[in-house]
Amino acid sequence: MTEESTQASAVEIPKADYAHTFKTNMLVEKDLQAIADSLPVSRGIKTAEQVREAGGYKEVQVTKGKELVTRLKRTLGIAVNFQTEAKGLVDFIPASAAVKEFIASTIIRAQLDFIKNQYVDLFLPVRESSLEYIIEFYNKVGGRISSVKFTAEALNSIADLFGDWLTTVTGGNASNAVAALVSGAKLKFTPAGIIKAYNSPLKPEQIQKILGRVAEFGALVADGFPDAEGNTQMEDADQEVAQAIVTLWTQNLGALMPKTSDDLMEGI
């Protein structure tokens, strides 16, 4: 590495404060329990009332057709503040303003997606969300799918392990749901695979519930799938393959979630 490149790599990228308010759907009472059921067990939110409190849901009157109906609107945990390197990074790129704006908005979208999935959707305060942290997080929990190849046999094996773990955490009381999940996992949770496993597309809240379980499973894989005594049960090579598969599931499921069209550059 030349002295010039070493100096360039040592340049501190300036960060800017960024504020964003996520848009949320209006809900009805039964949706609160569905959200509670979709959250990871480790989050500790199990009831509709706990969801109502965590999200600060308030009753509002909205027009539906010619009638006024009552809906629930989330008021807490949707307005976030964080720092972004987006503008600082693109300032180093010899490109047009339009290209720089596109790159910066893509960076911010990656940060917003991470914040929503890891904090907002789990009713947690925003913590670390730098690009370095996001990359480290996905490398640890999700693996590096672009560089790791796996066979259909390995995919089926990890899907079966996912099913065995689900059977354990559900106490064996959700055999049909577990079987459908394993079937979808073996088909990589693609749109066609989802329809084949469930006979129809899934609703966003159902996808979110599966994502929560996949995230829990991925965290265990990242730790080598420890047994009750804390001893790892996966060899490094098997762990790397499993992480790549979990990443694939996460990406495919995430692609099925509806996207919003917020103005990502506002306030930058």
C-alpha atoms as a PDB file:
ATOM      1  CA  MET A   1       0.000   0.000   0.000  1.00  0.00           C
ATOM      2  CA  THR A   2       1.406   3.364  -0.992  1.00  0.00           C
ATOM      3  CA  GLU A   3       1.776   6.283   1.402  1.00  0.00           C
ATOM      4  CA  GLU A   4      -0.906   8.155  -0.545  1.00  0.00           C
ATOM      5  CA  SER A   5      -3.438   5.309  -0.253  1.00  0.00           C
ATOM      6  CA  THR A   6      -2.609   4.869   3.428  1.00  0.00           C
ATOM      7  CA  GLN A   7      -3.330   8.526   4.059  1.00  0.00           C
ATOM      8  CA  ALA A   8      -6.570   8.299   2.078  1.00  0.00           C
ATOM      9  CA  SER A   9      -7.758   5.317   4.082  1.00  0.00           C
ATOM     10  CA  ALA A  10      -7.018   7.191   7.278  1.00  0.00           C
ATOM     11  CA  VAL A  11      -9.257  10.137   6.374  1.00  0.00           C
ATOM     12  CA  GLU A  12     -12.018  10.507   8.927  1.00  0.00           C
ATOM     13  CA  ILE A  13     -15.387  10.568   7.201  1.00  0.00           C
ATOM     14  CA  PRO A  14     -17.596  13.311   8.666  1.00  0.00           C
ATOM     15  CA  LYS A  15     -21.008  12.294   9.969  1.00  0.00           C
ATOM     16  CA  ALA A  16     -24.190  14.315   9.982  1.00  0.00           C
ATOM     17  CA  ASP A  17     -27.194  14.102  12.268  1.00  0.00           C
ATOM     18  CA  TYR A  18     -30.247  12.654  10.555  1.00  0.00           C
ATOM     19  CA  ALA A  19     -33.849  12.566  11.744  1.00  0.00           C
ATOM     20  CA  HIS A  20     -36.536  10.348  10.311  1.00  0.00           C
ATOM     21  CA  THR A  21     -40.077   9.383  11.235  1.00  0.00           C
ATOM     22  CA  PHE A  22     -41.237   5.979  10.042  1.00  0.00           C
ATOM     23  CA  LYS A  23     -44.716   5.673   8.652  1.00  0.00           C
ATOM     24  CA  THR A  24     -46.817   2.982  10.301  1.00  0.00           C
ATOM     25  CA  ASN A  25     -50.095   1.353   9.412  1.00  0.00           C
ATOM     26  CA  MET A  26     -53.311   2.073  11.253  1.00  0.00           C
ATOM     27  CA  LEU A  27     -54.253  -1.013  13.243  1.00  0.00           C
ATOM     28  CA  VAL A  28     -57.277  -2.619  14.814  1.00  0.00           C
ATOM     29  CA  GLU A  29     -57.250  -4.243  18.237  1.00  0.00           C
ATOM     30  CA  LYS A  30     -56.558  -7.787  17.028  1.00  0.00           C
ATOM     31  CA  ASP A  31     -53.416  -6.621  15.210  1.00  0.00           C
ATOM     32  CA  LEU A  32     -51.683  -5.892  18.518  1.00  0.00           C
ATOM     33  CA  GLN A  33     -51.642  -9.540  19.527  1.00  0.00           C
ATOM     34  CA  ALA A  34     -50.452 -10.509  16.048  1.00  0.00           C
ATOM     35  CA  ILE A  35     -47.495  -8.158  16.517  1.00  0.00           C
ATOM     36  CA  ALA A  36     -46.765  -9.633  19.949  1.00  0.00           C
ATOM     37  CA  ASP A  37     -46.790 -13.142  18.448  1.00  0.00           C
ATOM     38  CA  SER A  38     -44.388 -12.044  15.690  1.00  0.00           C
ATOM     39  CA  LEU A  39     -41.710 -10.705  18.037  1.00  0.00           C
ATOM     40  CA  PRO A  40     -38.711 -12.824  19.069  1.00  0.00           C
ATOM     41  CA  VAL A  41     -39.272 -14.609  22.364  1.00  0.00           C
ATOM     42  CA  SER A  42     -36.168 -12.899  23.762  1.00  0.00           C
ATOM     43  CA  ARG A  43     -37.846  -9.492  23.390  1.00  0.00           C
ATOM     44  CA  GLY A  44     -40.200 -10.321  26.279  1.00  0.00           C
ATOM     45  CA  ILE A  45     -43.320  -8.785  24.722  1.00  0.00           C
ATOM     46  CA  LYS A  46     -46.059 -11.403  24.708  1.00  0.00           C
ATOM     47  CA  THR A  47     -49.402  -9.611  24.995  1.00  0.00           C
ATOM     48  CA  ALA A  48     -51.413  -7.044  23.075  1.00  0.00           C
ATOM     49  CA  GLU A  49     -51.320  -4.731  26.065  1.00  0.00           C
ATOM     50  CA  GLN A  50     -47.524  -4.836  26.155  1.00  0.00           C
ATOM     51  CA  VAL A  51     -47.426  -3.917  22.447  1.00  0.00           C
ATOM     52  CA  ARG A  52     -49.882  -1.081  23.062  1.00  0.00           C
ATOM     53  CA  GLU A  53     -47.666   0.313  25.828  1.00  0.00           C
ATOM     54  CA  ALA A  54     -44.362  -0.163  23.971  1.00  0.00           C
ATOM     55  CA  GLY A  55     -45.664   1.540  20.837  1.00  0.00           C
ATOM     56  CA  GLY A  56     -47.765   4.167  22.580  1.00  0.00           C
ATOM     57  CA  TYR A  57     -50.754   3.208  20.461  1.00  0.00           C
ATOM     58  CA  LYS A  58     -53.569   5.772  20.628  1.00  0.00           C
ATOM     59  CA  GLU A  59     -57.109   5.589  19.340  1.00  0.00           C
ATOM     60  CA  VAL A  60     -57.834   7.889  16.401  1.00  0.00           C
ATOM     61  CA  GLN A  61     -60.870   8.426  14.214  1.00  0.00           C
ATOM     62  CA  VAL A  62     -60.380   7.868  10.484  1.00  0.00           C
ATOM     63  CA  THR A  63     -62.779   7.953   7.566  1.00  0.00           C
ATOM     64  CA  LYS A  64     -63.608   4.675   5.897  1.00  0.00           C
ATOM     65  CA  GLY A  65     -66.009   5.228   3.067  1.00  0.00           C
ATOM     66  CA  LYS A  66     -68.696   7.466   4.530  1.00  0.00           C
ATOM     67  CA  GLU A  67     -68.157   6.372   8.111  1.00  0.00           C
ATOM     68  CA  LEU A  68     -65.803   7.274  10.921  1.00  0.00           C
ATOM     69  CA  VAL A  69     -64.047   4.250  12.389  1.00  0.00           C
ATOM     70  CA  THR A  70     -61.648   3.822  15.304  1.00  0.00           C
ATOM     71  CA  ARG A  71     -58.094   2.794  14.560  1.00  0.00           C
ATOM     72  CA  LEU A  72     -54.883   2.510  16.577  1.00  0.00           C
ATOM     73  CA  LYS A  73     -51.911   4.708  15.672  1.00  0.00           C
ATOM     74  CA  ARG A  74     -48.382   4.155  16.938  1.00  0.00           C
ATOM     75  CA  THR A  75     -46.876   7.231  18.596  1.00  0.00           C
ATOM     76  CA  LEU A  76     -43.683   5.978  20.294  1.00  0.00           C
ATOM     77  CA  GLY A  77     -40.421   4.725  18.824  1.00  0.00           C
ATOM     78  CA  ILE A  78     -41.081   5.786  15.223  1.00  0.00           C
ATOM     79  CA  ALA A  79     -39.233   9.133  15.259  1.00  0.00           C
ATOM     80  CA  VAL A  80     -35.522   8.292  15.248  1.00  0.00           C
ATOM     81  CA  ASN A  81     -32.295  10.256  15.283  1.00  0.00           C
ATOM     82  CA  PHE A  82     -28.977   8.832  14.146  1.00  0.00           C
ATOM     83  CA  GLN A  83     -25.751   9.795  12.419  1.00  0.00           C
ATOM     84  CA  THR A  84     -24.913   8.981   8.820  1.00  0.00           C
ATOM     85  CA  GLU A  85     -21.707   9.035   6.804  1.00  0.00           C
ATOM     86  CA  ALA A  86     -23.678   9.270   3.546  1.00  0.00           C
ATOM     87  CA  LYS A  87     -22.885  12.850   2.528  1.00  0.00           C
ATOM     88  CA  GLY A  88     -19.331  12.666   3.845  1.00  0.00           C
ATOM     89  CA  LEU A  89     -18.637   9.562   1.774  1.00  0.00           C
ATOM     90  CA  VAL A  90     -20.046  10.844  -1.505  1.00  0.00           C
ATOM     91  CA  ASP A  91     -18.092  14.083  -1.232  1.00  0.00           C
ATOM     92  CA  PHE A  92     -14.997  12.007  -2.089  1.00  0.00           C
ATOM     93  CA  ILE A  93     -16.570  10.620  -5.281  1.00  0.00           C
ATOM     94  CA  PRO A  94     -15.799  12.419  -8.573  1.00  0.00           C
ATOM     95  CA  ALA A  95     -19.355  12.207  -9.885  1.00  0.00           C
ATOM     96  CA  SER A  96     -22.329  14.381 -10.744  1.00  0.00           C
ATOM     97  CA  ALA A  97     -24.636  15.748  -8.071  1.00  0.00           C
ATOM     98  CA  ALA A  98     -27.379  13.350  -9.192  1.00  0.00           C
ATOM     99  CA  VAL A  99     -25.112  10.315  -8.831  1.00  0.00           C
ATOM    100  CA  LYS A 100     -23.899  11.491  -5.435  1.00  0.00           C
ATOM    101  CA  GLU A 101     -27.482  11.995  -4.271  1.00  0.00           C
ATOM    102  CA  PHE A 102     -28.422   8.492  -5.460  1.00  0.00           C
ATOM    103  CA  ILE A 103     -25.479   6.891  -3.642  1.00  0.00           C
ATOM    104  CA  ALA A 104     -26.162   8.866  -0.465  1.00  0.00           C
ATOM    105  CA  SER A 105     -29.849   7.912  -0.502  1.00  0.00           C
ATOM    106  CA  THR A 106     -28.908   4.239  -0.953  1.00  0.00           C
ATOM    107  CA  ILE A 107     -26.621   4.416   2.076  1.00  0.00           C
ATOM    108  CA  ILE A 108     -29.321   6.070   4.150  1.00  0.00           C
ATOM    109  CA  ARG A 109     -31.871   3.467   3.041  1.00  0.00           C
ATOM    110  CA  ALA A 110     -29.531   0.711   4.238  1.00  0.00           C
ATOM    111  CA  GLN A 111     -29.228   2.416   7.614  1.00  0.00           C
ATOM    112  CA  LEU A 112     -32.981   3.026   7.846  1.00  0.00           C
ATOM    113  CA  ASP A 113     -33.775  -0.590   6.946  1.00  0.00           C
ATOM    114  CA  PHE A 114     -31.379  -1.771   9.636  1.00  0.00           C
ATOM    115  CA  ILE A 115     -32.815   0.626  12.224  1.00  0.00           C
ATOM    116  CA  LYS A 116     -36.377  -0.419  11.413  1.00  0.00           C
ATOM    117  CA  ASN A 117     -35.644  -4.156  11.509  1.00  0.00           C
ATOM    118  CA  GLN A 118     -33.412  -4.136  14.591  1.00  0.00           C
ATOM    119  CA  TYR A 119     -34.918  -1.364  16.693  1.00  0.00           C
ATOM    120  CA  VAL A 120     -38.246   0.114  15.561  1.00  0.00           C
ATOM    121  CA  ASP A 121     -39.978  -3.187  14.738  1.00  0.00           C
ATOM    122  CA  LEU A 122     -38.741  -4.633  18.046  1.00  0.00           C
ATOM    123  CA  PHE A 123     -39.798  -1.550  20.045  1.00  0.00           C
ATOM    124  CA  LEU A 124     -36.219  -0.810  21.071  1.00  0.00           C
ATOM    125  CA  PRO A 125     -34.397   2.545  21.248  1.00  0.00           C
ATOM    126  CA  VAL A 126     -31.971   3.176  18.391  1.00  0.00           C
ATOM    127  CA  ARG A 127     -28.446   2.249  19.379  1.00  0.00           C
ATOM    128  CA  GLU A 128     -25.486   1.672  17.056  1.00  0.00           C
ATOM    129  CA  SER A 129     -26.264   2.131  13.357  1.00  0.00           C
ATOM    130  CA  SER A 130     -22.999   3.144  11.675  1.00  0.00           C
ATOM    131  CA  LEU A 131     -22.111   1.461   8.395  1.00  0.00           C
ATOM    132  CA  GLU A 132     -19.182  -0.299  10.075  1.00  0.00           C
ATOM    133  CA  TYR A 133     -21.495  -1.738  12.720  1.00  0.00           C
ATOM    134  CA  ILE A 134     -24.141  -2.805  10.182  1.00  0.00           C
ATOM    135  CA  ILE A 135     -21.545  -4.630   8.082  1.00  0.00           C
ATOM    136  CA  GLU A 136     -20.093  -6.311  11.188  1.00  0.00           C
ATOM    137  CA  PHE A 137     -23.586  -7.281  12.376  1.00  0.00           C
ATOM    138  CA  TYR A 138     -24.597  -8.950   9.115  1.00  0.00           C
ATOM    139  CA  ASN A 139     -21.232 -10.666   8.768  1.00  0.00           C
ATOM    140  CA  LYS A 140     -21.721 -12.157  12.230  1.00  0.00           C
ATOM    141  CA  VAL A 141     -25.419 -13.002  12.132  1.00  0.00           C
ATOM    142  CA  GLY A 142     -25.960 -13.500   8.450  1.00  0.00           C
ATOM    143  CA  GLY A 143     -22.727 -14.677   6.942  1.00  0.00           C
ATOM    144  CA  ARG A 144     -21.261 -13.640   3.600  1.00  0.00           C
ATOM    145  CA  ILE A 145     -23.559 -15.206   1.057  1.00  0.00           C
ATOM    146  CA  SER A 146     -21.803 -13.732  -1.979  1.00  0.00           C
ATOM    147  CA  SER A 147     -18.641 -15.730  -1.300  1.00  0.00           C
ATOM    148  CA  VAL A 148     -20.066 -18.900   0.242  1.00  0.00           C
ATOM    149  CA  LYS A 149     -21.511 -21.674  -1.916  1.00  0.00           C
ATOM    150  CA  PHE A 150     -23.704 -24.445  -0.567  1.00  0.00           C
ATOM    151  CA  THR A 151     -25.385 -27.542  -1.909  1.00  0.00           C
ATOM    152  CA  ALA A 152     -29.086 -28.417  -1.900  1.00  0.00           C
ATOM    153  CA  GLU A 153     -28.217 -31.097   0.656  1.00  0.00           C
ATOM    154  CA  ALA A 154     -26.692 -28.475   2.975  1.00  0.00           C
ATOM    155  CA  LEU A 155     -29.740 -26.230   2.532  1.00  0.00           C
ATOM    156  CA  ASN A 156     -32.081 -29.068   3.464  1.00  0.00           C
ATOM    157  CA  SER A 157     -29.934 -30.023   6.440  1.00  0.00           C
ATOM    158  CA  ILE A 158     -29.926 -26.482   7.872  1.00  0.00           C
ATOM    159  CA  ALA A 159     -33.668 -26.177   7.209  1.00  0.00           C
ATOM    160  CA  ASP A 160     -34.216 -29.400   9.168  1.00  0.00           C
ATOM    161  CA  LEU A 161     -32.048 -28.047  11.995  1.00  0.00           C
ATOM    162  CA  PHE A 162     -34.157 -24.871  11.924  1.00  0.00           C
ATOM    163  CA  GLY A 163     -37.257 -27.059  12.226  1.00  0.00           C
ATOM    164  CA  ASP A 164     -35.828 -29.070  15.116  1.00  0.00           C
ATOM    165  CA  TRP A 165     -34.992 -25.855  16.966  1.00  0.00           C
ATOM    166  CA  LEU A 166     -38.465 -24.442  16.327  1.00  0.00           C
ATOM    167  CA  THR A 167     -40.047 -27.629  17.625  1.00  0.00           C
ATOM    168  CA  THR A 168     -38.032 -27.270  20.811  1.00  0.00           C
ATOM    169  CA  VAL A 169     -38.838 -23.591  21.427  1.00  0.00           C
ATOM    170  CA  THR A 170     -42.532 -24.097  20.698  1.00  0.00           C
ATOM    171  CA  GLY A 171     -42.735 -27.140  22.920  1.00  0.00           C
ATOM    172  CA  GLY A 172     -43.885 -29.304  20.022  1.00  0.00           C
ATOM    173  CA  ASN A 173     -47.238 -27.520  19.968  1.00  0.00           C
ATOM    174  CA  ALA A 174     -46.984 -26.057  16.477  1.00  0.00           C
ATOM    175  CA  SER A 175     -46.103 -29.007  14.280  1.00  0.00           C
ATOM    176  CA  ASN A 176     -48.076 -27.828  11.243  1.00  0.00           C
ATOM    177  CA  ALA A 177     -46.597 -24.322  11.412  1.00  0.00           C
ATOM    178  CA  VAL A 178     -43.085 -25.733  11.824  1.00  0.00           C
ATOM    179  CA  ALA A 179     -43.567 -28.104   8.886  1.00  0.00           C
ATOM    180  CA  ALA A 180     -44.662 -25.209   6.663  1.00  0.00           C
ATOM    181  CA  LEU A 181     -41.683 -23.121   7.774  1.00  0.00           C
ATOM    182  CA  VAL A 182     -39.234 -25.931   7.057  1.00  0.00           C
ATOM    183  CA  SER A 183     -40.811 -26.447   3.640  1.00  0.00           C
ATOM    184  CA  GLY A 184     -40.474 -22.727   2.886  1.00  0.00           C
ATOM    185  CA  ALA A 185     -36.885 -22.715   4.167  1.00  0.00           C
ATOM    186  CA  LYS A 186     -35.922 -25.582   1.876  1.00  0.00           C
ATOM    187  CA  LEU A 187     -37.358 -23.541  -1.007  1.00  0.00           C
ATOM    188  CA  LYS A 188     -35.266 -20.534   0.122  1.00  0.00           C
ATOM    189  CA  PHE A 189     -38.379 -18.509   1.073  1.00  0.00           C
ATOM    190  CA  THR A 190     -38.723 -17.318  -2.513  1.00  0.00           C
ATOM    191  CA  PRO A 191     -42.164 -16.014  -3.577  1.00  0.00           C
ATOM    192  CA  ALA A 192     -42.853 -19.280  -5.412  1.00  0.00           C
ATOM    193  CA  GLY A 193     -41.530 -21.267  -2.457  1.00  0.00           C
ATOM    194  CA  ILE A 194     -43.798 -19.384  -0.053  1.00  0.00           C
ATOM    195  CA  ILE A 195     -46.858 -20.143  -2.177  1.00  0.00           C
ATOM    196  CA  LYS A 196     -45.896 -23.804  -2.451  1.00  0.00           C
ATOM    197  CA  ALA A 197     -45.331 -24.096   1.306  1.00  0.00           C
ATOM    198  CA  TYR A 198     -48.397 -22.107   2.395  1.00  0.00           C
ATOM    199  CA  ASN A 199     -50.691 -22.395  -0.666  1.00  0.00           C
ATOM    200  CA  SER A 200     -50.938 -18.579  -0.791  1.00  0.00           C
ATOM    201  CA  PRO A 201     -48.809 -15.442  -0.345  1.00  0.00           C
ATOM    202  CA  LEU A 202     -48.145 -14.328   3.236  1.00  0.00           C
ATOM    203  CA  LYS A 203     -49.236 -11.094   4.891  1.00  0.00           C
ATOM    204  CA  PRO A 204     -46.526  -8.651   6.049  1.00  0.00           C
ATOM    205  CA  GLU A 205     -47.133  -9.487   9.712  1.00  0.00           C
ATOM    206  CA  GLN A 206     -46.692 -13.197   8.940  1.00  0.00           C
ATOM    207  CA  ILE A 207     -43.441 -12.530   7.087  1.00  0.00           C
ATOM    208  CA  GLN A 208     -42.241 -10.396  10.001  1.00  0.00           C
ATOM    209  CA  LYS A 209     -42.946 -13.266  12.380  1.00  0.00           C
ATOM    210  CA  ILE A 210     -40.871 -15.639  10.251  1.00  0.00           C
ATOM    211  CA  LEU A 211     -38.079 -13.052  10.039  1.00  0.00           C
ATOM    212  CA  GLY A 212     -38.056 -12.893  13.825  1.00  0.00           C
ATOM    213  CA  ARG A 213     -37.607 -16.650  14.116  1.00  0.00           C
ATOM    214  CA  VAL A 214     -34.923 -16.656  11.417  1.00  0.00           C
ATOM    215  CA  ALA A 215     -33.073 -13.882  13.285  1.00  0.00           C
ATOM    216  CA  GLU A 216     -33.172 -15.882  16.534  1.00  0.00           C
ATOM    217  CA  PHE A 217     -31.913 -18.968  14.725  1.00  0.00           C
ATOM    218  CA  GLY A 218     -29.221 -16.917  12.972  1.00  0.00           C
ATOM    219  CA  ALA A 219     -27.942 -15.602  16.307  1.00  0.00           C
ATOM    220  CA  LEU A 220     -27.522 -19.177  17.525  1.00  0.00           C
ATOM    221  CA  VAL A 221     -25.738 -20.146  14.316  1.00  0.00           C
ATOM    222  CA  ALA A 222     -23.382 -17.175  14.748  1.00  0.00           C
ATOM    223  CA  ASP A 223     -22.436 -18.621  18.162  1.00  0.00           C
ATOM    224  CA  GLY A 224     -21.820 -22.068  16.703  1.00  0.00           C
ATOM    225  CA  PHE A 225     -25.221 -23.415  17.777  1.00  0.00           C
ATOM    226  CA  PRO A 226     -24.238 -24.073  21.415  1.00  0.00           C
ATOM    227  CA  ASP A 227     -25.742 -26.907  23.414  1.00  0.00           C
ATOM    228  CA  ALA A 228     -27.187 -26.615  26.927  1.00  0.00           C
ATOM    229  CA  GLU A 229     -23.665 -26.466  28.382  1.00  0.00           C
ATOM    230  CA  GLY A 230     -22.569 -23.744  25.972  1.00  0.00           C
ATOM    231  CA  ASN A 231     -20.391 -26.004  23.818  1.00  0.00           C
ATOM    232  CA  THR A 232     -20.463 -25.208  20.107  1.00  0.00           C
ATOM    233  CA  GLN A 233     -21.915 -27.949  17.926  1.00  0.00           C
ATOM    234  CA  MET A 234     -20.870 -26.616  14.505  1.00  0.00           C
ATOM    235  CA  GLU A 235     -17.527 -26.845  12.792  1.00  0.00           C
ATOM    236  CA  ASP A 236     -16.309 -23.560  11.313  1.00  0.00           C
ATOM    237  CA  ALA A 237     -17.033 -24.670   7.724  1.00  0.00           C
ATOM    238  CA  ASP A 238     -20.553 -25.815   8.605  1.00  0.00           C
ATOM    239  CA  GLN A 239     -21.169 -22.591  10.525  1.00  0.00           C
ATOM    240  CA  GLU A 240     -20.121 -20.476   7.544  1.00  0.00           C
ATOM    241  CA  VAL A 241     -22.503 -22.363   5.257  1.00  0.00           C
ATOM    242  CA  ALA A 242     -25.329 -22.081   7.791  1.00  0.00           C
ATOM    243  CA  GLN A 243     -24.740 -18.326   8.097  1.00  0.00           C
ATOM    244  CA  ALA A 244     -24.901 -17.959   4.318  1.00  0.00           C
ATOM    245  CA  ILE A 245     -28.199 -19.850   4.229  1.00  0.00           C
ATOM    246  CA  VAL A 246     -29.670 -17.718   7.008  1.00  0.00           C
ATOM    247  CA  THR A 247     -28.623 -14.613   5.067  1.00  0.00           C
ATOM    248  CA  LEU A 248     -30.366 -15.913   1.960  1.00  0.00           C
ATOM    249  CA  TRP A 249     -33.563 -16.568   3.925  1.00  0.00           C
ATOM    250  CA  THR A 250     -33.397 -13.108   5.495  1.00  0.00           C
ATOM    251  CA  GLN A 251     -32.832 -11.368   2.165  1.00  0.00           C
ATOM    252  CA  ASN A 252     -35.621 -13.239   0.391  1.00  0.00           C
ATOM    253  CA  LEU A 253     -38.105 -12.672   3.194  1.00  0.00           C
ATOM    254  CA  GLY A 254     -37.120  -9.021   3.494  1.00  0.00           C
ATOM    255  CA  ALA A 255     -37.727  -8.564  -0.228  1.00  0.00           C
ATOM    256  CA  LEU A 256     -41.342  -9.624   0.325  1.00  0.00           C
ATOM    257  CA  MET A 257     -42.002  -6.820   2.814  1.00  0.00           C
ATOM    258  CA  PRO A 258     -43.723  -3.686   1.453  1.00  0.00           C
ATOM    259  CA  LYS A 259     -41.489  -0.655   0.973  1.00  0.00           C
ATOM    260  CA  THR A 260     -42.298   3.000   1.666  1.00  0.00           C
ATOM    261  CA  SER A 261     -41.468   5.939  -0.580  1.00  0.00           C
ATOM    262  CA  ASP A 262     -40.152   8.382   1.995  1.00  0.00           C
ATOM    263  CA  ASP A 263     -37.981  11.304   0.949  1.00  0.00           C
ATOM    264  CA  LEU A 264     -34.657   9.856   2.097  1.00  0.00           C
ATOM    265  CA  MET A 265     -32.632  12.977   1.484  1.00  0.00           C
ATOM    266  CA  GLU A 266     -34.760  15.334   3.547  1.00  0.00           C
ATOM    267  CA  GLY A 267     -32.591  17.218   6.018  1.00  0.00           C
ATOM    268  CA  ILE A 268     -29.274  15.852   4.753  1.00  0.00           C
END
